[in-house]
Amino acid sequence: MERLIYDRIRDLETDHWWFVGRRRILRRLLQRLAPPPGAKILEVGCGAGGNVPLLREFGTVAALEPDDESRAYAGERLGLAIDTGLLPDGLPYAPESFDLVCAFDVIEHVDDDAGSVRALARLVRPGGAILTTVPAYPWMWSHHDVLHHHKRRYLLPAYRALFEQAGLTVEAATYFNSLLFPLAAIQRTAKRLLGDQSADDAMPPAWLNKALTGVFSLEAPLATGPGLPFGLSIAVIARKGA
């Protein structure tokens, strides 16, 4: 990603409605996964470390981040030695080292998404799982994706297939960020037609940020239960056979 984007995420991820709402959905997904007591958990692409406190509720966490400044910031903030490496072939871990491997909005950044999913699968112990999220719908492509150095956006069947092709069993696959989807679709379509290249991830006024957080958070029981039929993002839980 651009340096500006790394820094913006670092500044926003504690309070911005999208990050707060996503963590609430991730917490419900993690509760559904029910990692074993003392689980060893890896987050690949941890950025500034905003998800690590959540993951620590479920086990002992290791983290990897290729960006030097983000890795240093996260390590100091969390008191954790953050590893460096790249997907798919530059991960510094032995096979079957973790009970749970997480990659939140990471797979869309790599050239070889299928190889990267296979690489994550190799790190999971038999009976362990992978939890990932990615942005949805190729037709939603915008300047936001360009700034974030995305390679693609996904449809749910194609993203799910990456895990099945890696020999994993998909336990849950859902869209999310659905309630706000119509507004986001209108906004991004209008910006594309108008040539507006302003950032989509600026902090809104406090009252609006609170309202958006509340709406987004309403989805947590649905995303982790029956699943949602559309949305700005996709989440997949996939398990390795025992």
Foldseek 3Di string as FASTA:
>chain_A
DDPVVLVLCLVQLPQFLVNLLVLLLVLLQCVVQQQDVQFEEEEEACRLPSCVVSVVVRHHYAYEHADPVSQVNNCVVPVHNHHYFDPDPTDPDQFQQGQEYEYEQDLQQDPDSLSNLLSSNRNHHAFGKYKYKHFADQVLDALQCVVVNGNGHYDQVVVVVSNVVSVWAWPAKAAAQPVCAVVSSVVRVVCVVVVPNDHPRDGDPPVVSVVSSVVRNVCSVVCSPVHDDDRGMMMIMIHHHD
